[in-house]
Amino acid sequence: MPGLLINIDVPALAAGEAFYTAALGLTVGRRFDEDIVELLGSDVPIYLIVKPAGSAIGPVGDATRVYARHWTPVHPDFSVDDLDNAVARALAAGAVQEGPTLDLPYGRQAMFADPSAMVSA
């Protein structure tokens, strides 16, 4: 069975590290030069990788990274024991809550954008 890890592109490593450690209580694991940091404390490791706005998304095509808010079918969801505390912690770390906290048939849910997603390229 394949393993899973999560890579999150960020425009600035220090800001990304500060946000994800404060918002989620993750801790720094390994550092791979000045462009990659491993965050621990979730079910799988999360790697923040510096990729400047405007840099190529892949080796084929001419698409470039844009950190303005966008939709994607793949996104991390974090389950927590205390949603109200997690909402307060995420907001204090700079997250932008997108809509109200919802009571759904399968549980409570709150959606956020990381602060780097609110920066236009």
Protein backbone atom coordinates (compact mmCIF):
# COMPACT_ATOMS: atom_id res chain seq x y z
CA MET A 1 0.00 0.00 0.00
CA PRO A 2 1.42 3.44 -0.85
CA GLY A 3 2.31 5.85 1.91
CA LEU A 4 0.85 9.32 2.10
CA LEU A 5 2.41 12.68 2.78
CA ILE A 6 1.13 16.14 2.07
CA ASN A 7 3.11 18.83 0.26
CA ILE A 8 1.90 22.42 0.51
CA ASP A 9 3.51 25.02 -1.73
CA VAL A 10 4.06 28.34 0.06
CA PRO A 11 5.42 31.64 -1.24
CA ALA A 12 7.50 32.20 1.93
CA LEU A 13 8.72 29.44 4.25
CA ALA A 14 8.88 31.44 7.50
CA ALA A 15 5.32 32.72 7.10
CA GLY A 16 3.99 29.27 6.15
CA GLU A 17 5.79 27.64 9.05
CA ALA A 18 4.49 30.25 11.51
CA PHE A 19 0.93 29.83 10.26
CA TYR A 20 0.73 26.01 10.21
CA THR A 21 2.47 25.57 13.56
CA ALA A 22 0.30 28.20 15.26
CA ALA A 23 -2.99 27.25 13.59
CA LEU A 24 -2.66 23.47 13.92
CA GLY A 25 -0.14 22.98 16.71
CA LEU A 26 2.24 21.13 14.38
CA THR A 27 5.93 20.95 15.21
CA VAL A 28 8.95 21.30 12.97
CA GLY A 29 10.67 18.04 12.09
CA ARG A 30 13.45 18.04 9.51
CA ARG A 31 14.63 20.92 7.38
CA PHE A 32 15.81 20.32 3.85
CA ASP A 33 17.89 23.37 2.96
CA GLU A 34 16.17 26.75 3.16
CA ASP A 35 13.25 25.75 0.92
CA ILE A 36 11.54 22.77 2.64
CA VAL A 37 10.40 22.08 6.18
CA GLU A 38 8.71 18.96 7.52
CA LEU A 39 5.84 19.48 9.96
CA LEU A 40 4.86 16.73 12.37
CA GLY A 41 1.89 16.13 14.61
CA SER A 42 -0.75 15.11 12.07
CA ASP A 43 -1.53 11.59 10.85
CA VAL A 44 0.97 12.07 8.02
CA PRO A 45 3.93 14.41 7.59
CA ILE A 46 3.25 17.76 5.96
CA TYR A 47 5.99 19.37 3.92
CA LEU A 48 6.00 23.09 3.25
CA ILE A 49 7.90 23.79 0.04
CA VAL A 50 8.87 27.27 -1.14
CA LYS A 51 7.55 27.88 -4.63
CA PRO A 52 7.42 31.56 -5.58
CA ALA A 53 4.32 33.05 -7.16
CA GLY A 54 4.75 32.96 -10.91
CA SER A 55 7.01 29.90 -10.89
CA ALA A 56 6.22 27.01 -13.23
CA ILE A 57 3.72 24.49 -11.90
CA GLY A 58 5.35 21.57 -13.72
CA PRO A 59 7.82 20.68 -16.44
CA VAL A 60 5.18 20.68 -19.19
CA GLY A 61 3.04 23.63 -20.23
CA ASP A 62 3.17 27.28 -19.33
CA ALA A 63 0.93 27.37 -16.23
CA THR A 64 2.38 29.21 -13.25
CA ARG A 65 1.62 29.33 -9.52
CA VAL A 66 -0.88 31.86 -8.31
CA TYR A 67 -1.48 32.19 -4.58
CA ALA A 68 -4.75 34.07 -4.90
CA ARG A 69 -7.68 32.04 -3.57
CA HIS A 70 -8.67 29.29 -5.96
CA TRP A 71 -10.63 26.04 -5.95
CA THR A 72 -9.01 22.64 -6.15
CA PRO A 73 -10.50 19.15 -5.88
CA VAL A 74 -7.63 18.06 -3.61
CA HIS A 75 -7.30 19.74 -0.22
CA PRO A 76 -6.28 18.80 3.32
CA ASP A 77 -9.02 18.45 5.92
CA PHE A 78 -8.02 18.30 9.58
CA SER A 79 -10.21 16.61 12.18
CA VAL A 80 -10.01 18.02 15.71
CA ASP A 81 -11.46 17.14 19.11
CA ASP A 82 -12.65 20.68 19.89
CA LEU A 83 -13.80 22.62 16.82
CA ASP A 84 -14.52 25.88 18.67
CA ASN A 85 -10.98 25.93 20.08
CA ALA A 86 -9.54 25.01 16.66
CA VAL A 87 -11.49 27.83 14.98
CA ALA A 88 -10.17 30.35 17.51
CA ARG A 89 -6.61 29.06 17.10
CA ALA A 90 -6.76 29.18 13.28
CA LEU A 91 -8.16 32.73 13.29
CA ALA A 92 -5.50 33.88 15.76
CA ALA A 93 -2.84 32.44 13.43
CA GLY A 94 -4.18 34.48 10.49
CA ALA A 95 -6.54 32.05 8.76
CA VAL A 96 -9.53 33.50 6.96
CA GLN A 97 -12.77 31.67 7.78
CA GLU A 98 -14.85 31.03 4.69
CA GLY A 99 -18.48 31.03 5.79
CA PRO A 100 -20.00 30.10 9.12
CA THR A 101 -19.22 27.01 11.17
CA LEU A 102 -21.73 24.41 10.02
CA ASP A 103 -23.63 21.65 11.83
CA LEU A 104 -23.88 18.85 9.27
CA PRO A 105 -25.31 15.33 9.50
CA TYR A 106 -21.78 13.90 9.81
CA GLY A 107 -20.46 16.52 12.27
CA ARG A 108 -19.46 20.15 12.61
CA GLN A 109 -17.31 21.82 9.96
CA ALA A 110 -15.48 25.10 9.45
CA MET A 111 -13.57 26.05 6.30
CA PHE A 112 -10.55 28.32 6.11
CA ALA A 113 -8.04 29.80 3.70
CA ASP A 114 -4.42 30.00 4.74
CA PRO A 115 -3.13 33.60 4.70
CA SER A 116 -0.91 32.96 1.65
CA ALA A 117 -4.06 32.11 -0.34
CA MET A 118 -5.23 35.67 0.14
CA VAL A 119 -2.19 37.16 -1.59
CA SER A 120 -2.49 37.93 -5.28
CA ALA A 121 0.43 37.10 -7.55
